[in-house]
C-alpha atoms as a PDB file:
ATOM      1  CA  UNK A   1       0.000   0.000   0.000  1.00  0.00           C
ATOM      2  CA  UNK A   2       1.467   3.306  -1.111  1.00  0.00           C
ATOM      3  CA  UNK A   3      -0.312   6.241   0.547  1.00  0.00           C
ATOM      4  CA  UNK A   4       1.164   9.602  -0.300  1.00  0.00           C
ATOM      5  CA  UNK A   5       2.032  11.966   2.562  1.00  0.00           C
ATOM      6  CA  UNK A   6      -0.016  15.150   2.864  1.00  0.00           C
ATOM      7  CA  UNK A   7       1.545  18.487   3.689  1.00  0.00           C
ATOM      8  CA  UNK A   8      -0.088  20.532   6.453  1.00  0.00           C
ATOM      9  CA  UNK A   9       1.674  23.831   6.928  1.00  0.00           C
ATOM     10  CA  UNK A  10       5.381  23.051   6.785  1.00  0.00           C
ATOM     11  CA  UNK A  11       5.020  19.429   7.890  1.00  0.00           C
ATOM     12  CA  UNK A  12       4.423  16.230   5.961  1.00  0.00           C
ATOM     13  CA  UNK A  13       1.805  13.905   7.397  1.00  0.00           C
ATOM     14  CA  UNK A  14       1.949  10.175   6.736  1.00  0.00           C
ATOM     15  CA  UNK A  15       4.034   7.041   7.101  1.00  0.00           C
ATOM     16  CA  UNK A  16       7.639   7.808   7.929  1.00  0.00           C
ATOM     17  CA  UNK A  17       6.858  11.277   9.264  1.00  0.00           C
ATOM     18  CA  UNK A  18       6.273  12.399  12.865  1.00  0.00           C
ATOM     19  CA  UNK A  19       2.714  12.199  14.145  1.00  0.00           C
ATOM     20  CA  UNK A  20       0.938  15.558  13.785  1.00  0.00           C
ATOM     21  CA  UNK A  21      -0.617  16.494  17.131  1.00  0.00           C
ATOM     22  CA  UNK A  22      -3.631  18.793  17.357  1.00  0.00           C
ATOM     23  CA  UNK A  23      -4.669  20.570  20.545  1.00  0.00           C
ATOM     24  CA  UNK A  24      -8.451  20.875  20.206  1.00  0.00           C
ATOM     25  CA  UNK A  25      -9.237  23.999  22.194  1.00  0.00           C
ATOM     26  CA  UNK A  26     -12.835  23.947  20.977  1.00  0.00           C
ATOM     27  CA  UNK A  27     -14.906  26.094  23.298  1.00  0.00           C
ATOM     28  CA  UNK A  28     -12.442  25.951  26.184  1.00  0.00           C
ATOM     29  CA  UNK A  29     -11.481  29.599  25.729  1.00  0.00           C
ATOM     30  CA  UNK A  30     -14.710  30.459  27.637  1.00  0.00           C
ATOM     31  CA  UNK A  31     -15.463  33.485  25.463  1.00  0.00           C
ATOM     32  CA  UNK A  32     -12.208  35.161  26.435  1.00  0.00           C
ATOM     33  CA  UNK A  33      -9.679  36.237  23.798  1.00  0.00           C
ATOM     34  CA  UNK A  34      -6.823  36.394  26.297  1.00  0.00           C
ATOM     35  CA  UNK A  35      -7.569  32.833  27.420  1.00  0.00           C
ATOM     36  CA  UNK A  36      -7.695  31.713  23.787  1.00  0.00           C
ATOM     37  CA  UNK A  37      -4.204  33.142  23.259  1.00  0.00           C
ATOM     38  CA  UNK A  38      -2.951  31.620  26.501  1.00  0.00           C
ATOM     39  CA  UNK A  39      -4.194  28.199  25.396  1.00  0.00           C
ATOM     40  CA  UNK A  40      -2.510  28.543  21.993  1.00  0.00           C
ATOM     41  CA  UNK A  41       0.752  29.485  23.682  1.00  0.00           C
ATOM     42  CA  UNK A  42       0.474  26.581  26.113  1.00  0.00           C
ATOM     43  CA  UNK A  43      -0.362  24.174  23.285  1.00  0.00           C
ATOM     44  CA  UNK A  44       2.831  25.209  21.522  1.00  0.00           C
ATOM     45  CA  UNK A  45       4.832  24.828  24.742  1.00  0.00           C
ATOM     46  CA  UNK A  46       3.380  21.345  25.255  1.00  0.00           C
ATOM     47  CA  UNK A  47       4.528  20.213  21.818  1.00  0.00           C
ATOM     48  CA  UNK A  48       1.324  20.496  19.776  1.00  0.00           C
ATOM     49  CA  UNK A  49       1.670  21.077  16.045  1.00  0.00           C
ATOM     50  CA  UNK A  50      -1.680  22.848  15.769  1.00  0.00           C
ATOM     51  CA  UNK A  51      -4.221  24.697  17.890  1.00  0.00           C
ATOM     52  CA  UNK A  52      -7.779  24.163  16.702  1.00  0.00           C
ATOM     53  CA  UNK A  53     -11.105  25.818  17.448  1.00  0.00           C
ATOM     54  CA  UNK A  54     -14.722  25.255  16.337  1.00  0.00           C
ATOM     55  CA  UNK A  55     -16.606  27.975  14.507  1.00  0.00           C
ATOM     56  CA  UNK A  56     -20.395  28.116  14.278  1.00  0.00           C
ATOM     57  CA  UNK A  57     -23.412  30.287  14.934  1.00  0.00           C
ATOM     58  CA  UNK A  58     -25.975  28.656  17.163  1.00  0.00           C
ATOM     59  CA  UNK A  59     -28.859  29.774  14.951  1.00  0.00           C
ATOM     60  CA  UNK A  60     -27.373  28.006  11.927  1.00  0.00           C
ATOM     61  CA  UNK A  61     -26.358  24.857  13.757  1.00  0.00           C
ATOM     62  CA  UNK A  62     -29.099  23.707  16.124  1.00  0.00           C
ATOM     63  CA  UNK A  63     -32.849  23.848  16.597  1.00  0.00           C
ATOM     64  CA  UNK A  64     -33.865  25.442  19.883  1.00  0.00           C
ATOM     65  CA  UNK A  65     -36.986  23.282  20.002  1.00  0.00           C
ATOM     66  CA  UNK A  66     -35.113  20.156  18.934  1.00  0.00           C
ATOM     67  CA  UNK A  67     -32.963  20.305  22.064  1.00  0.00           C
ATOM     68  CA  UNK A  68     -35.593  21.188  24.637  1.00  0.00           C
ATOM     69  CA  UNK A  69     -35.147  17.608  25.849  1.00  0.00           C
ATOM     70  CA  UNK A  70     -31.479  17.088  26.758  1.00  0.00           C
ATOM     71  CA  UNK A  71     -29.728  13.829  25.999  1.00  0.00           C
ATOM     72  CA  UNK A  72     -27.741  11.984  28.682  1.00  0.00           C
ATOM     73  CA  UNK A  73     -24.556  13.961  28.081  1.00  0.00           C
ATOM     74  CA  UNK A  74     -26.331  17.331  27.940  1.00  0.00           C
ATOM     75  CA  UNK A  75     -28.178  16.693  31.193  1.00  0.00           C
ATOM     76  CA  UNK A  76     -24.932  17.526  32.973  1.00  0.00           C
ATOM     77  CA  UNK A  77     -25.219  21.082  31.664  1.00  0.00           C
ATOM     78  CA  UNK A  78     -26.765  23.584  34.056  1.00  0.00           C
ATOM     79  CA  UNK A  79     -27.874  25.860  31.209  1.00  0.00           C
ATOM     80  CA  UNK A  80     -30.103  25.053  28.251  1.00  0.00           C
ATOM     81  CA  UNK A  81     -28.464  23.456  25.203  1.00  0.00           C
ATOM     82  CA  UNK A  82     -29.134  26.659  23.279  1.00  0.00           C
ATOM     83  CA  UNK A  83     -27.387  28.825  25.880  1.00  0.00           C
ATOM     84  CA  UNK A  84     -24.420  26.461  26.146  1.00  0.00           C
ATOM     85  CA  UNK A  85     -23.906  26.667  22.390  1.00  0.00           C
ATOM     86  CA  UNK A  86     -24.327  30.462  22.416  1.00  0.00           C
ATOM     87  CA  UNK A  87     -21.666  30.781  25.109  1.00  0.00           C
ATOM     88  CA  UNK A  88     -19.328  28.518  23.124  1.00  0.00           C
ATOM     89  CA  UNK A  89     -19.442  30.532  19.900  1.00  0.00           C
ATOM     90  CA  UNK A  90     -16.084  31.563  18.473  1.00  0.00           C
ATOM     91  CA  UNK A  91     -16.196  35.258  17.508  1.00  0.00           C
ATOM     92  CA  UNK A  92     -15.528  35.508  13.782  1.00  0.00           C
ATOM     93  CA  UNK A  93     -13.441  38.635  14.115  1.00  0.00           C
ATOM     94  CA  UNK A  94     -10.891  36.658  16.149  1.00  0.00           C
ATOM     95  CA  UNK A  95      -9.774  34.642  13.137  1.00  0.00           C
ATOM     96  CA  UNK A  96      -7.138  37.058  11.872  1.00  0.00           C
ATOM     97  CA  UNK A  97      -5.733  37.937  15.295  1.00  0.00           C
ATOM     98  CA  UNK A  98      -5.422  34.353  16.516  1.00  0.00           C
ATOM     99  CA  UNK A  99      -4.045  33.188  13.197  1.00  0.00           C
ATOM    100  CA  UNK A 100      -1.334  35.874  13.316  1.00  0.00           C
ATOM    101  CA  UNK A 101      -0.623  35.112  16.952  1.00  0.00           C
ATOM    102  CA  UNK A 102      -0.238  31.405  16.173  1.00  0.00           C
ATOM    103  CA  UNK A 103       2.132  32.134  13.301  1.00  0.00           C
ATOM    104  CA  UNK A 104       4.360  34.199  15.594  1.00  0.00           C
ATOM    105  CA  UNK A 105       4.526  31.273  17.985  1.00  0.00           C
ATOM    106  CA  UNK A 106       5.209  28.767  15.213  1.00  0.00           C
ATOM    107  CA  UNK A 107       2.059  26.686  15.647  1.00  0.00           C
ATOM    108  CA  UNK A 108      -0.598  25.984  12.993  1.00  0.00           C
ATOM    109  CA  UNK A 109      -4.069  27.461  13.463  1.00  0.00           C
ATOM    110  CA  UNK A 110      -7.259  26.105  11.945  1.00  0.00           C
ATOM    111  CA  UNK A 111     -10.823  25.251  12.889  1.00  0.00           C
ATOM    112  CA  UNK A 112     -13.773  22.976  12.385  1.00  0.00           C
ATOM    113  CA  UNK A 113     -16.063  25.279  10.385  1.00  0.00           C
ATOM    114  CA  UNK A 114     -19.741  24.435  10.757  1.00  0.00           C
ATOM    115  CA  UNK A 115     -21.031  26.810   8.073  1.00  0.00           C
ATOM    116  CA  UNK A 116     -19.970  28.169   4.710  1.00  0.00           C
ATOM    117  CA  UNK A 117     -18.889  31.594   5.976  1.00  0.00           C
ATOM    118  CA  UNK A 118     -16.582  29.917   8.485  1.00  0.00           C
ATOM    119  CA  UNK A 119     -15.031  27.928   5.630  1.00  0.00           C
ATOM    120  CA  UNK A 120     -14.462  31.152   3.707  1.00  0.00           C
ATOM    121  CA  UNK A 121     -12.742  32.681   6.736  1.00  0.00           C
ATOM    122  CA  UNK A 122     -10.221  29.843   6.792  1.00  0.00           C
ATOM    123  CA  UNK A 123      -9.588  30.137   3.068  1.00  0.00           C
ATOM    124  CA  UNK A 124      -8.903  33.879   3.423  1.00  0.00           C
ATOM    125  CA  UNK A 125      -6.397  33.129   6.167  1.00  0.00           C
ATOM    126  CA  UNK A 126      -4.715  30.495   3.984  1.00  0.00           C
ATOM    127  CA  UNK A 127      -5.253  27.984   6.773  1.00  0.00           C
ATOM    128  CA  UNK A 128      -3.070  24.872   6.536  1.00  0.00           C
ATOM    129  CA  UNK A 129      -6.043  22.492   6.864  1.00  0.00           C
ATOM    130  CA  UNK A 130      -9.749  22.160   7.624  1.00  0.00           C
ATOM    131  CA  UNK A 131     -11.318  19.739  10.093  1.00  0.00           C
ATOM    132  CA  UNK A 132     -14.770  18.351   9.321  1.00  0.00           C
ATOM    133  CA  UNK A 133     -16.453  17.180  12.509  1.00  0.00           C
ATOM    134  CA  UNK A 134     -18.223  13.827  12.669  1.00  0.00           C
ATOM    135  CA  UNK A 135     -21.592  15.551  12.848  1.00  0.00           C
ATOM    136  CA  UNK A 136     -21.269  16.858   9.291  1.00  0.00           C
ATOM    137  CA  UNK A 137     -20.142  13.662   7.560  1.00  0.00           C
ATOM    138  CA  UNK A 138     -23.575  13.313   5.916  1.00  0.00           C
ATOM    139  CA  UNK A 139     -23.930  17.037   5.117  1.00  0.00           C
ATOM    140  CA  UNK A 140     -22.738  16.518   1.570  1.00  0.00           C
ATOM    141  CA  UNK A 141     -23.263  20.122   0.498  1.00  0.00           C
ATOM    142  CA  UNK A 142     -20.666  21.462   2.923  1.00  0.00           C
ATOM    143  CA  UNK A 143     -18.331  18.521   2.242  1.00  0.00           C
ATOM    144  CA  UNK A 144     -18.331  19.437  -1.423  1.00  0.00           C
ATOM    145  CA  UNK A 145     -17.821  23.114  -0.630  1.00  0.00           C
ATOM    146  CA  UNK A 146     -14.891  22.384   1.678  1.00  0.00           C
ATOM    147  CA  UNK A 147     -13.410  19.958  -0.830  1.00  0.00           C
ATOM    148  CA  UNK A 148     -13.490  22.614  -3.531  1.00  0.00           C
ATOM    149  CA  UNK A 149     -11.125  24.791  -1.479  1.00  0.00           C
ATOM    150  CA  UNK A 150      -8.339  22.241  -2.095  1.00  0.00           C
ATOM    151  CA  UNK A 151      -7.048  22.365   1.486  1.00  0.00           C
ATOM    152  CA  UNK A 152      -6.013  19.229   3.392  1.00  0.00           C
ATOM    153  CA  UNK A 153      -9.066  17.812   5.161  1.00  0.00           C
ATOM    154  CA  UNK A 154      -9.272  15.985   8.475  1.00  0.00           C
ATOM    155  CA  UNK A 155     -12.531  14.060   8.131  1.00  0.00           C
ATOM    156  CA  UNK A 156     -13.852  12.767  11.453  1.00  0.00           C
ATOM    157  CA  UNK A 157     -15.769   9.488  11.170  1.00  0.00           C
ATOM    158  CA  UNK A 158     -17.356   9.151  14.606  1.00  0.00           C
ATOM    159  CA  UNK A 159     -20.763   7.403  14.750  1.00  0.00           C
ATOM    160  CA  UNK A 160     -20.457   6.588  11.035  1.00  0.00           C
ATOM    161  CA  UNK A 161     -20.839   3.462   8.928  1.00  0.00           C
ATOM    162  CA  UNK A 162     -18.361   2.474   6.229  1.00  0.00           C
ATOM    163  CA  UNK A 163     -21.000   3.310   3.636  1.00  0.00           C
ATOM    164  CA  UNK A 164     -21.427   6.842   5.015  1.00  0.00           C
ATOM    165  CA  UNK A 165     -17.658   7.329   5.076  1.00  0.00           C
ATOM    166  CA  UNK A 166     -17.423   6.047   1.509  1.00  0.00           C
ATOM    167  CA  UNK A 167     -20.044   8.532   0.291  1.00  0.00           C
ATOM    168  CA  UNK A 168     -18.313  11.377   2.130  1.00  0.00           C
ATOM    169  CA  UNK A 169     -14.918  10.488   0.648  1.00  0.00           C
ATOM    170  CA  UNK A 170     -16.383  10.238  -2.864  1.00  0.00           C
ATOM    171  CA  UNK A 171     -18.111  13.600  -2.404  1.00  0.00           C
ATOM    172  CA  UNK A 172     -14.878  15.326  -1.422  1.00  0.00           C
ATOM    173  CA  UNK A 173     -12.871  13.566  -4.129  1.00  0.00           C
ATOM    174  CA  UNK A 174     -15.419  14.636  -6.746  1.00  0.00           C
ATOM    175  CA  UNK A 175     -14.002  18.167  -6.335  1.00  0.00           C
ATOM    176  CA  UNK A 176     -10.536  16.920  -7.284  1.00  0.00           C
ATOM    177  CA  UNK A 177      -9.339  17.096  -3.676  1.00  0.00           C
ATOM    178  CA  UNK A 178      -7.648  13.861  -2.554  1.00  0.00           C
ATOM    179  CA  UNK A 179      -5.914  15.392   0.478  1.00  0.00           C
ATOM    180  CA  UNK A 180      -8.068  13.570   3.011  1.00  0.00           C
ATOM    181  CA  UNK A 181      -7.080  12.115   6.371  1.00  0.00           C
ATOM    182  CA  UNK A 182      -9.724   9.893   7.947  1.00  0.00           C
ATOM    183  CA  UNK A 183     -10.022  10.424  11.687  1.00  0.00           C
ATOM    184  CA  UNK A 184     -11.431   7.562  13.737  1.00  0.00           C
ATOM    185  CA  UNK A 185     -13.457   8.922  16.631  1.00  0.00           C
ATOM    186  CA  UNK A 186     -16.085   7.957  19.167  1.00  0.00           C
ATOM    187  CA  UNK A 187     -18.646  10.728  19.617  1.00  0.00           C
ATOM    188  CA  UNK A 188     -19.190  10.380  23.330  1.00  0.00           C
ATOM    189  CA  UNK A 189     -17.649  12.761  25.850  1.00  0.00           C
ATOM    190  CA  UNK A 190     -15.689  11.212  27.410  1.00  0.00           C
ATOM    191  CA  UNK A 191     -15.695   8.060  25.326  1.00  0.00           C
ATOM    192  CA  UNK A 192     -15.117   4.630  26.839  1.00  0.00           C
ATOM    193  CA  UNK A 193     -11.814   2.869  26.218  1.00  0.00           C
ATOM    194  CA  UNK A 194     -13.800  -0.244  25.295  1.00  0.00           C
ATOM    195  CA  UNK A 195     -15.440   1.683  22.435  1.00  0.00           C
ATOM    196  CA  UNK A 196     -12.150   2.922  20.940  1.00  0.00           C
ATOM    197  CA  UNK A 197     -12.165   0.311  18.135  1.00  0.00           C
ATOM    198  CA  UNK A 198      -8.516   0.948  17.352  1.00  0.00           C
ATOM    199  CA  UNK A 199      -8.325  -1.790  14.730  1.00  0.00           C
ATOM    200  CA  UNK A 200     -10.676   0.211  12.520  1.00  0.00           C
ATOM    201  CA  UNK A 201      -7.687   2.427  11.705  1.00  0.00           C
ATOM    202  CA  UNK A 202      -6.296  -0.370   9.548  1.00  0.00           C
ATOM    203  CA  UNK A 203      -9.743  -1.040   8.093  1.00  0.00           C
ATOM    204  CA  UNK A 204     -10.063   2.575   6.971  1.00  0.00           C
ATOM    205  CA  UNK A 205      -6.504   2.639   5.648  1.00  0.00           C
ATOM    206  CA  UNK A 206      -6.993  -0.526   3.606  1.00  0.00           C
ATOM    207  CA  UNK A 207     -10.437   0.309   2.247  1.00  0.00           C
ATOM    208  CA  UNK A 208      -9.833   3.918   1.262  1.00  0.00           C
ATOM    209  CA  UNK A 209      -6.053   3.981   0.751  1.00  0.00           C
ATOM    210  CA  UNK A 210      -5.883   7.174   2.807  1.00  0.00           C
ATOM    211  CA  UNK A 211      -3.847   8.318   5.773  1.00  0.00           C
ATOM    212  CA  UNK A 212      -5.616   7.890   9.102  1.00  0.00           C
ATOM    213  CA  UNK A 213      -5.662   9.560  12.490  1.00  0.00           C
ATOM    214  CA  UNK A 214      -7.575   9.475  15.757  1.00  0.00           C
ATOM    215  CA  UNK A 215      -9.699  12.217  17.274  1.00  0.00           C
ATOM    216  CA  UNK A 216      -9.610  10.944  20.835  1.00  0.00           C
ATOM    217  CA  UNK A 217     -12.302  11.780  23.372  1.00  0.00           C
ATOM    218  CA  UNK A 218     -11.279   9.150  25.937  1.00  0.00           C
ATOM    219  CA  UNK A 219      -9.613  10.063  29.207  1.00  0.00           C
ATOM    220  CA  UNK A 220      -5.847   9.746  29.407  1.00  0.00           C
ATOM    221  CA  UNK A 221      -3.390   8.997  26.617  1.00  0.00           C
ATOM    222  CA  UNK A 222      -3.747   5.218  26.170  1.00  0.00           C
ATOM    223  CA  UNK A 223      -5.959   5.367  23.074  1.00  0.00           C
ATOM    224  CA  UNK A 224      -3.856   8.070  21.444  1.00  0.00           C
ATOM    225  CA  UNK A 225      -0.601   6.199  22.042  1.00  0.00           C
ATOM    226  CA  UNK A 226      -2.089   2.942  20.809  1.00  0.00           C
ATOM    227  CA  UNK A 227      -3.371   4.702  17.701  1.00  0.00           C
ATOM    228  CA  UNK A 228       0.114   5.926  16.839  1.00  0.00           C
ATOM    229  CA  UNK A 229       1.418   2.371  17.242  1.00  0.00           C
ATOM    230  CA  UNK A 230      -1.263   1.222  14.795  1.00  0.00           C
ATOM    231  CA  UNK A 231      -0.423   3.824  12.165  1.00  0.00           C
ATOM    232  CA  UNK A 232      -2.306   7.003  13.076  1.00  0.00           C
ATOM    233  CA  UNK A 233      -0.454   9.971  11.594  1.00  0.00           C
ATOM    234  CA  UNK A 234      -2.573  12.589  13.402  1.00  0.00           C
ATOM    235  CA  UNK A 235      -3.763  12.689  17.002  1.00  0.00           C
ATOM    236  CA  UNK A 236      -6.328  15.227  18.170  1.00  0.00           C
ATOM    237  CA  UNK A 237      -7.076  15.729  21.873  1.00  0.00           C
ATOM    238  CA  UNK A 238      -9.185  18.319  23.668  1.00  0.00           C
ATOM    239  CA  UNK A 239      -6.995  20.807  25.507  1.00  0.00           C
ATOM    240  CA  UNK A 240      -7.811  23.072  28.458  1.00  0.00           C
ATOM    241  CA  UNK A 241      -6.139  25.181  31.095  1.00  0.00           C
ATOM    242  CA  UNK A 242      -7.937  23.220  33.813  1.00  0.00           C
ATOM    243  CA  UNK A 243     -10.406  20.293  33.418  1.00  0.00           C
ATOM    244  CA  UNK A 244     -12.316  21.629  36.427  1.00  0.00           C
ATOM    245  CA  UNK A 245     -13.237  24.906  34.731  1.00  0.00           C
ATOM    246  CA  UNK A 246     -16.942  25.438  33.906  1.00  0.00           C
ATOM    247  CA  UNK A 247     -17.968  24.521  30.348  1.00  0.00           C
ATOM    248  CA  UNK A 248     -19.078  21.472  28.352  1.00  0.00           C
ATOM    249  CA  UNK A 249     -15.659  20.397  27.028  1.00  0.00           C
ATOM    250  CA  UNK A 250     -13.353  20.992  30.003  1.00  0.00           C
ATOM    251  CA  UNK A 251     -14.070  17.721  31.881  1.00  0.00           C
ATOM    252  CA  UNK A 252     -12.900  15.487  29.007  1.00  0.00           C
ATOM    253  CA  UNK A 253      -9.971  17.729  28.037  1.00  0.00           C
ATOM    254  CA  UNK A 254      -6.308  17.322  28.892  1.00  0.00           C
ATOM    255  CA  UNK A 255      -4.521  19.768  31.152  1.00  0.00           C
ATOM    256  CA  UNK A 256      -1.238  21.230  29.866  1.00  0.00           C
ATOM    257  CA  UNK A 257       0.780  18.832  32.036  1.00  0.00           C
ATOM    258  CA  UNK A 258      -1.046  15.717  30.831  1.00  0.00           C
ATOM    259  CA  UNK A 259      -1.015  16.905  27.205  1.00  0.00           C
ATOM    260  CA  UNK A 260       2.732  17.565  27.349  1.00  0.00           C
ATOM    261  CA  UNK A 261       3.312  14.111  28.829  1.00  0.00           C
ATOM    262  CA  UNK A 262       1.272  12.556  26.030  1.00  0.00           C
ATOM    263  CA  UNK A 263       3.297  14.382  23.367  1.00  0.00           C
ATOM    264  CA  UNK A 264       6.562  13.229  24.925  1.00  0.00           C
ATOM    265  CA  UNK A 265       5.282   9.652  25.098  1.00  0.00           C
ATOM    266  CA  UNK A 266       4.238   9.772  21.445  1.00  0.00           C
ATOM    267  CA  UNK A 267       7.707  10.957  20.418  1.00  0.00           C
ATOM    268  CA  UNK A 268       9.303   8.176  22.469  1.00  0.00           C
ATOM    269  CA  UNK A 269       6.899   5.665  20.939  1.00  0.00           C
ATOM    270  CA  UNK A 270       7.757   6.824  17.427  1.00  0.00           C
ATOM    271  CA  UNK A 271      11.426   6.080  18.125  1.00  0.00           C
ATOM    272  CA  UNK A 272      10.438   2.686  19.500  1.00  0.00           C
ATOM    273  CA  UNK A 273       8.428   1.801  16.374  1.00  0.00           C
ATOM    274  CA  UNK A 274      11.570   1.735  14.239  1.00  0.00           C
ATOM    275  CA  UNK A 275      11.635   0.933  10.526  1.00  0.00           C
ATOM    276  CA  UNK A 276      10.068  -2.507  10.429  1.00  0.00           C
ATOM    277  CA  UNK A 277      13.336  -3.985   9.133  1.00  0.00           C
ATOM    278  CA  UNK A 278      14.520  -6.790  11.408  1.00  0.00           C
ATOM    279  CA  UNK A 279      18.217  -6.425  12.189  1.00  0.00           C
ATOM    280  CA  UNK A 280      20.769  -6.751  14.969  1.00  0.00           C
ATOM    281  CA  UNK A 281      20.788  -3.437  16.786  1.00  0.00           C
ATOM    282  CA  UNK A 282      24.110  -1.836  17.713  1.00  0.00           C
ATOM    283  CA  UNK A 283      23.137  -2.139  21.384  1.00  0.00           C
ATOM    284  CA  UNK A 284      22.652  -5.908  20.943  1.00  0.00           C
ATOM    285  CA  UNK A 285      26.034  -6.769  19.456  1.00  0.00           C
ATOM    286  CA  UNK A 286      27.675  -7.589  22.786  1.00  0.00           C
ATOM    287  CA  UNK A 287      24.531  -9.189  24.197  1.00  0.00           C
ATOM    288  CA  UNK A 288      24.319 -11.373  21.104  1.00  0.00           C
ATOM    289  CA  UNK A 289      27.716 -12.877  22.014  1.00  0.00           C
ATOM    290  CA  UNK A 290      27.212 -13.341  25.750  1.00  0.00           C
ATOM    291  CA  UNK A 291      23.694 -14.803  25.491  1.00  0.00           C
ATOM    292  CA  UNK A 292      24.232 -17.195  22.593  1.00  0.00           C
ATOM    293  CA  UNK A 293      26.060 -20.498  22.751  1.00  0.00           C
ATOM    294  CA  UNK A 294      29.262 -21.334  20.962  1.00  0.00           C
ATOM    295  CA  UNK A 295      30.955 -24.730  20.616  1.00  0.00           C
ATOM    296  CA  UNK A 296      33.585 -25.297  23.310  1.00  0.00           C
ATOM    297  CA  UNK A 297      35.866 -28.136  24.283  1.00  0.00           C
ATOM    298  CA  UNK A 298      35.010 -29.337  27.787  1.00  0.00           C
ATOM    299  CA  UNK A 299      38.163 -31.421  28.207  1.00  0.00           C
ATOM    300  CA  UNK A 300      41.596 -31.531  26.499  1.00  0.00           C
ATOM    301  CA  UNK A 301      41.389 -32.849  22.916  1.00  0.00           C
ATOM    302  CA  UNK A 302      44.410 -34.210  21.080  1.00  0.00           C
ATOM    303  CA  UNK A 303      45.221 -33.535  17.435  1.00  0.00           C
ATOM    304  CA  UNK A 304      43.461 -36.202  15.331  1.00  0.00           C
ATOM    305  CA  UNK A 305      40.979 -37.050  18.078  1.00  0.00           C
ATOM    306  CA  UNK A 306      37.320 -37.169  17.096  1.00  0.00           C
ATOM    307  CA  UNK A 307      34.814 -34.657  18.424  1.00  0.00           C
ATOM    308  CA  UNK A 308      32.137 -36.356  20.522  1.00  0.00           C
ATOM    309  CA  UNK A 309      29.239 -35.415  22.749  1.00  0.00           C
ATOM    310  CA  UNK A 310      31.591 -36.002  25.663  1.00  0.00           C
ATOM    311  CA  UNK A 311      34.405 -33.631  24.678  1.00  0.00           C
ATOM    312  CA  UNK A 312      32.574 -30.676  23.112  1.00  0.00           C
ATOM    313  CA  UNK A 313      29.471 -28.807  24.277  1.00  0.00           C
ATOM    314  CA  UNK A 314      27.307 -25.827  23.337  1.00  0.00           C
ATOM    315  CA  UNK A 315      27.795 -23.203  26.064  1.00  0.00           C
ATOM    316  CA  UNK A 316      27.999 -19.435  26.401  1.00  0.00           C
ATOM    317  CA  UNK A 317      29.496 -17.129  25.163  1.00  0.00           C
ATOM    318  CA  UNK A 318      29.246 -17.466  21.404  1.00  0.00           C
ATOM    319  CA  UNK A 319      32.912 -17.383  20.430  1.00  0.00           C
ATOM    320  CA  UNK A 320      34.294 -19.232  17.447  1.00  0.00           C
ATOM    321  CA  UNK A 321      31.813 -21.611  15.825  1.00  0.00           C
ATOM    322  CA  UNK A 322      28.098 -21.099  16.428  1.00  0.00           C
ATOM    323  CA  UNK A 323      26.106 -23.765  18.239  1.00  0.00           C
ATOM    324  CA  UNK A 324      24.148 -24.236  15.003  1.00  0.00           C
ATOM    325  CA  UNK A 325      27.130 -26.308  13.693  1.00  0.00           C
ATOM    326  CA  UNK A 326      27.285 -28.643  16.712  1.00  0.00           C
ATOM    327  CA  UNK A 327      25.735 -31.771  15.187  1.00  0.00           C
ATOM    328  CA  UNK A 328      27.870 -31.443  12.058  1.00  0.00           C
ATOM    329  CA  UNK A 329      31.052 -31.509  14.158  1.00  0.00           C
ATOM    330  CA  UNK A 330      30.315 -34.800  15.903  1.00  0.00           C
ATOM    331  CA  UNK A 331      32.604 -37.455  14.401  1.00  0.00           C
ATOM    332  CA  UNK A 332      34.998 -35.034  12.734  1.00  0.00           C
ATOM    333  CA  UNK A 333      38.619 -34.870  13.874  1.00  0.00           C
ATOM    334  CA  UNK A 334      40.527 -32.102  15.540  1.00  0.00           C
ATOM    335  CA  UNK A 335      43.308 -30.486  13.525  1.00  0.00           C
ATOM    336  CA  UNK A 336      45.066 -29.190  16.655  1.00  0.00           C
ATOM    337  CA  UNK A 337      45.613 -29.957  20.278  1.00  0.00           C
ATOM    338  CA  UNK A 338      42.858 -28.172  22.209  1.00  0.00           C
ATOM    339  CA  UNK A 339      42.887 -27.257  25.857  1.00  0.00           C
ATOM    340  CA  UNK A 340      39.930 -27.586  28.189  1.00  0.00           C
ATOM    341  CA  UNK A 341      37.207 -24.922  27.615  1.00  0.00           C
ATOM    342  CA  UNK A 342      38.584 -23.578  24.371  1.00  0.00           C
ATOM    343  CA  UNK A 343      36.174 -22.212  21.740  1.00  0.00           C
ATOM    344  CA  UNK A 344      36.329 -24.154  18.462  1.00  0.00           C
ATOM    345  CA  UNK A 345      37.005 -22.361  15.181  1.00  0.00           C
ATOM    346  CA  UNK A 346      37.049 -23.454  11.551  1.00  0.00           C
ATOM    347  CA  UNK A 347      40.849 -23.753  11.815  1.00  0.00           C
ATOM    348  CA  UNK A 348      40.442 -26.523  14.377  1.00  0.00           C
ATOM    349  CA  UNK A 349      38.565 -28.826  11.978  1.00  0.00           C
END
């Protein structure tokens, strides 16, 4: 399988390249521009490659009447669903300022745009990528519109069937845009580890021949780390100043300390993954000798005397002839006088 890397900003995303890590700030800026900047700065400090927000207007995204009855997750909210969404809105006039601020810090800035104007804002900023949230995977009109902008697309696939993903991919590709990264996700907040379905990463990779990532809503870093081990080239995690702050996304978000630890663990894991080529590592060269068996004399052997099970044995370390030749030596004669516990070499045969 030959999946081409995709360039996001100055970085290539795909096999053989470092995992691209997104700090999903979402609504965790709590309506405060200074907090939004602080979170971007912290995300950079913690090793994130990108800081991401979500951009929508409540009126164009949800039905007030449709959410009069809260679902299980929303029942935790003290305010109405409508008010929670209103308080989470990302002010459109922040785009330019936060984009410039991110550039100064050396971190990518982009969003999940939930309407066409929000898409246009990203295009004007020359954003490095666009994230399509799981909730819009069947909204083919916006998929086609986003695809037509020819930016790399992170397509979240939470709560989706393979058929729905296939239609979404075809819709985006119909615009000529093949720069798609499929993001496995579980749309529950937080999501259960048992629902992670990590093996689907390989399913998506094989079926669509696209790079894959994981938008992780579980607690901790286990799912994210496991995803990298299974080939995820992007990890997205919710990021907050403090998980105890008021707001819908804070409780399932990572603090700066935990996010930084996750990033460090991912980088260590990437080194551990290696190249896939089985070889003797430099660090193993001495261990290889002391742990393997060589063929040794276990008593004095005279020149012309035959090697037998009683005068030679396979013991450590592996000096001279390897133990793999032991049976072939039985019955052959010694070319030299050998002392007790001397490693045999080809010259002794």
